[in-house]
Amino acid sequence: MRDLTVMGVELYADEFAELGAVLARHAHLEEISAALLGHVHHLMDSENVEKQRRGSLASNGVCTTKSTTTRKVNR
């Protein structure tokens, strides 16, 4: 009977150790997820700022392309 008790305790210890590892992985994945979400928000904010900048330049008569920026001249 004692052997069964020892085996049961060892089984529970193994299960708790495995559960601890799963929880640690979960916490690590949550950290990664939060970091990625923060990066996505940063990129979205940067894109919005760039769109606003282009809109502001266009309303001031400045034509922008990827390689150059020129001012439109009214003739």
N, C-alpha and C. Protein backbone atom coordinates (compact mmCIF):
# COMPACT_ATOMS: atom_id res chain seq x y z
N MET A 1 0.82 -1.19 0.00
CA MET A 1 0.00 0.00 0.00
C MET A 1 0.87 1.26 0.00
N ARG A 2 1.97 1.21 0.73
CA ARG A 2 2.86 2.37 0.80
C ARG A 2 3.41 2.70 -0.57
N ASP A 3 3.71 1.70 -1.37
CA ASP A 3 4.23 1.94 -2.72
C ASP A 3 3.21 2.71 -3.57
N LEU A 4 1.93 2.37 -3.42
CA LEU A 4 0.89 3.08 -4.17
C LEU A 4 0.82 4.54 -3.73
N THR A 5 0.97 4.77 -2.44
CA THR A 5 0.93 6.15 -1.93
C THR A 5 2.10 6.94 -2.49
N VAL A 6 3.28 6.35 -2.46
CA VAL A 6 4.48 7.02 -2.99
C VAL A 6 4.31 7.29 -4.47
N MET A 7 3.78 6.32 -5.21
CA MET A 7 3.57 6.50 -6.64
C MET A 7 2.55 7.63 -6.90
N GLY A 8 1.52 7.68 -6.09
CA GLY A 8 0.52 8.75 -6.23
C GLY A 8 1.11 10.12 -5.98
N VAL A 9 1.92 10.22 -4.93
CA VAL A 9 2.56 11.50 -4.61
C VAL A 9 3.51 11.90 -5.74
N GLU A 10 4.27 10.94 -6.25
CA GLU A 10 5.19 11.24 -7.36
C GLU A 10 4.42 11.69 -8.60
N LEU A 11 3.29 11.03 -8.86
CA LEU A 11 2.46 11.39 -10.01
C LEU A 11 1.95 12.83 -9.87
N TYR A 12 1.44 13.16 -8.68
CA TYR A 12 0.97 14.52 -8.44
C TYR A 12 2.10 15.53 -8.57
N ALA A 13 3.27 15.18 -8.08
CA ALA A 13 4.42 16.08 -8.17
C ALA A 13 4.78 16.32 -9.63
N ASP A 14 4.76 15.25 -10.43
CA ASP A 14 5.05 15.39 -11.86
C ASP A 14 3.99 16.26 -12.55
N GLU A 15 2.73 16.02 -12.20
CA GLU A 15 1.64 16.81 -12.80
C GLU A 15 1.76 18.28 -12.42
N PHE A 16 2.09 18.56 -11.16
CA PHE A 16 2.25 19.95 -10.74
C PHE A 16 3.45 20.60 -11.43
N ALA A 17 4.51 19.84 -11.62
CA ALA A 17 5.68 20.37 -12.32
C ALA A 17 5.32 20.69 -13.77
N GLU A 18 4.57 19.80 -14.40
CA GLU A 18 4.15 20.03 -15.78
C GLU A 18 3.21 21.23 -15.87
N LEU A 19 2.30 21.33 -14.91
CA LEU A 19 1.39 22.48 -14.87
C LEU A 19 2.17 23.78 -14.71
N GLY A 20 3.18 23.76 -13.86
CA GLY A 20 4.03 24.95 -13.68
C GLY A 20 4.72 25.35 -14.98
N ALA A 21 5.20 24.35 -15.72
CA ALA A 21 5.85 24.63 -17.00
C ALA A 21 4.86 25.22 -18.00
N VAL A 22 3.65 24.67 -18.03
CA VAL A 22 2.61 25.19 -18.94
C VAL A 22 2.27 26.63 -18.58
N LEU A 23 2.12 26.91 -17.30
CA LEU A 23 1.81 28.28 -16.87
C LEU A 23 2.94 29.25 -17.21
N ALA A 24 4.17 28.79 -17.07
CA ALA A 24 5.32 29.64 -17.42
C ALA A 24 5.33 29.94 -18.91
N ARG A 25 5.06 28.92 -19.74
CA ARG A 25 4.99 29.14 -21.19
C ARG A 25 3.87 30.11 -21.52
N HIS A 26 2.73 29.94 -20.85
CA HIS A 26 1.59 30.82 -21.09
C HIS A 26 1.95 32.27 -20.75
N ALA A 27 2.61 32.47 -19.64
CA ALA A 27 3.01 33.83 -19.24
C ALA A 27 3.98 34.42 -20.26
N HIS A 28 4.91 33.59 -20.74
CA HIS A 28 5.88 34.05 -21.73
C HIS A 28 5.16 34.42 -23.03
N LEU A 29 4.19 33.60 -23.44
CA LEU A 29 3.43 33.90 -24.65
C LEU A 29 2.61 35.18 -24.49
N GLU A 30 2.09 35.42 -23.30
CA GLU A 30 1.36 36.67 -23.05
C GLU A 30 2.29 37.87 -23.19
N GLU A 31 3.52 37.74 -22.70
CA GLU A 31 4.49 38.83 -22.84
C GLU A 31 4.80 39.09 -24.31
N ILE A 32 5.01 38.02 -25.07
CA ILE A 32 5.29 38.16 -26.50
C ILE A 32 4.10 38.80 -27.20
N SER A 33 2.91 38.34 -26.88
CA SER A 33 1.70 38.89 -27.50
C SER A 33 1.56 40.38 -27.21
N ALA A 34 1.80 40.78 -25.98
CA ALA A 34 1.70 42.19 -25.60
C ALA A 34 2.74 43.02 -26.35
N ALA A 35 3.95 42.49 -26.48
CA ALA A 35 5.00 43.22 -27.20
C ALA A 35 4.64 43.37 -28.67
N LEU A 36 4.14 42.30 -29.28
CA LEU A 36 3.74 42.38 -30.69
C LEU A 36 2.59 43.35 -30.89
N LEU A 37 1.62 43.32 -30.00
CA LEU A 37 0.49 44.23 -30.10
C LEU A 37 0.95 45.68 -29.96
N GLY A 38 1.88 45.93 -29.04
CA GLY A 38 2.43 47.27 -28.90
C GLY A 38 3.15 47.72 -30.16
N HIS A 39 3.89 46.80 -30.79
CA HIS A 39 4.60 47.12 -32.03
C HIS A 39 3.62 47.43 -33.15
N VAL A 40 2.55 46.64 -33.25
CA VAL A 40 1.52 46.87 -34.27
C VAL A 40 0.88 48.24 -34.07
N HIS A 41 0.56 48.58 -32.84
CA HIS A 41 -0.03 49.89 -32.56
C HIS A 41 0.94 51.01 -32.93
N HIS A 42 2.22 50.81 -32.65
CA HIS A 42 3.23 51.80 -33.00
C HIS A 42 3.27 51.99 -34.52
N LEU A 43 3.25 50.88 -35.26
CA LEU A 43 3.28 50.96 -36.72
C LEU A 43 2.04 51.65 -37.26
N MET A 44 0.89 51.33 -36.68
CA MET A 44 -0.35 51.96 -37.12
C MET A 44 -0.32 53.46 -36.84
N ASP A 45 0.17 53.85 -35.67
CA ASP A 45 0.28 55.27 -35.33
C ASP A 45 1.24 55.97 -36.29
N SER A 46 2.35 55.32 -36.61
CA SER A 46 3.33 55.90 -37.53
C SER A 46 2.71 56.09 -38.91
N GLU A 47 1.93 55.12 -39.35
CA GLU A 47 1.28 55.20 -40.66
C GLU A 47 0.27 56.35 -40.67
N ASN A 48 -0.49 56.49 -39.58
CA ASN A 48 -1.46 57.59 -39.50
C ASN A 48 -0.76 58.94 -39.51
N VAL A 49 0.36 59.05 -38.82
CA VAL A 49 1.12 60.30 -38.80
C VAL A 49 1.62 60.61 -40.20
N GLU A 50 2.12 59.58 -40.90
CA GLU A 50 2.62 59.77 -42.26
C GLU A 50 1.49 60.21 -43.20
N LYS A 51 0.31 59.62 -43.07
CA LYS A 51 -0.83 60.02 -43.90
C LYS A 51 -1.22 61.46 -43.61
N GLN A 52 -1.21 61.84 -42.33
CA GLN A 52 -1.54 63.22 -41.97
C GLN A 52 -0.50 64.19 -42.53
N ARG A 53 0.77 63.79 -42.47
CA ARG A 53 1.84 64.64 -43.01
C ARG A 53 1.66 64.83 -44.50
N ARG A 54 1.39 63.74 -45.22
CA ARG A 54 1.19 63.83 -46.66
C ARG A 54 -0.03 64.69 -46.99
N GLY A 55 -1.09 64.51 -46.23
CA GLY A 55 -2.29 65.33 -46.45
C GLY A 55 -2.01 66.80 -46.22
N SER A 56 -1.25 67.10 -45.19
CA SER A 56 -0.90 68.48 -44.89
C SER A 56 -0.03 69.07 -45.99
N LEU A 57 0.94 68.30 -46.47
CA LEU A 57 1.81 68.78 -47.54
C LEU A 57 1.01 68.99 -48.82
N ALA A 58 0.10 68.05 -49.13
CA ALA A 58 -0.71 68.17 -50.34
C ALA A 58 -1.60 69.40 -50.28
N SER A 59 -2.16 69.69 -49.12
CA SER A 59 -3.02 70.86 -48.99
C SER A 59 -2.22 72.16 -49.11
N ASN A 60 -0.92 72.08 -48.90
CA ASN A 60 -0.04 73.25 -49.05
C ASN A 60 0.61 73.31 -50.43
N GLY A 61 0.17 72.43 -51.34
CA GLY A 61 0.70 72.46 -52.71
C GLY A 61 2.00 71.73 -52.90
N VAL A 62 2.34 70.83 -52.01
CA VAL A 62 3.57 70.06 -52.14
C VAL A 62 3.20 68.66 -52.62
N CYS A 63 3.84 68.23 -53.71
CA CYS A 63 3.59 66.91 -54.27
C CYS A 63 4.68 65.97 -53.76
N THR A 64 4.28 64.84 -53.17
CA THR A 64 5.28 63.91 -52.64
C THR A 64 5.21 62.59 -53.39
N THR A 65 6.36 62.01 -53.61
CA THR A 65 6.49 60.63 -54.11
C THR A 65 7.45 59.94 -53.17
N LYS A 66 7.70 58.66 -53.44
CA LYS A 66 8.60 57.93 -52.54
C LYS A 66 10.02 58.48 -52.60
N SER A 67 10.44 58.98 -53.77
CA SER A 67 11.84 59.38 -53.88
C SER A 67 12.05 60.90 -53.82
N THR A 68 11.02 61.68 -54.13
CA THR A 68 11.23 63.13 -54.16
C THR A 68 10.05 63.87 -53.56
N THR A 69 10.30 65.10 -53.23
CA THR A 69 9.25 66.02 -52.80
C THR A 69 9.43 67.30 -53.59
N THR A 70 8.39 67.72 -54.29
CA THR A 70 8.47 68.94 -55.09
C THR A 70 7.29 69.83 -54.77
N ARG A 71 7.44 71.09 -55.07
CA ARG A 71 6.35 72.04 -54.85
C ARG A 71 5.69 72.30 -56.20
N LYS A 72 4.35 72.20 -56.23
CA LYS A 72 3.60 72.51 -57.44
C LYS A 72 3.62 74.02 -57.64
N VAL A 73 3.83 74.42 -58.86
CA VAL A 73 3.86 75.84 -59.18
C VAL A 73 2.63 76.15 -60.02
N ASN A 74 1.82 77.10 -59.57
CA ASN A 74 0.65 77.53 -60.34
C ASN A 74 1.10 78.53 -61.39
N ARG A 75 0.78 78.28 -62.65
CA ARG A 75 1.17 79.19 -63.74
C ARG A 75 -0.02 79.85 -64.31
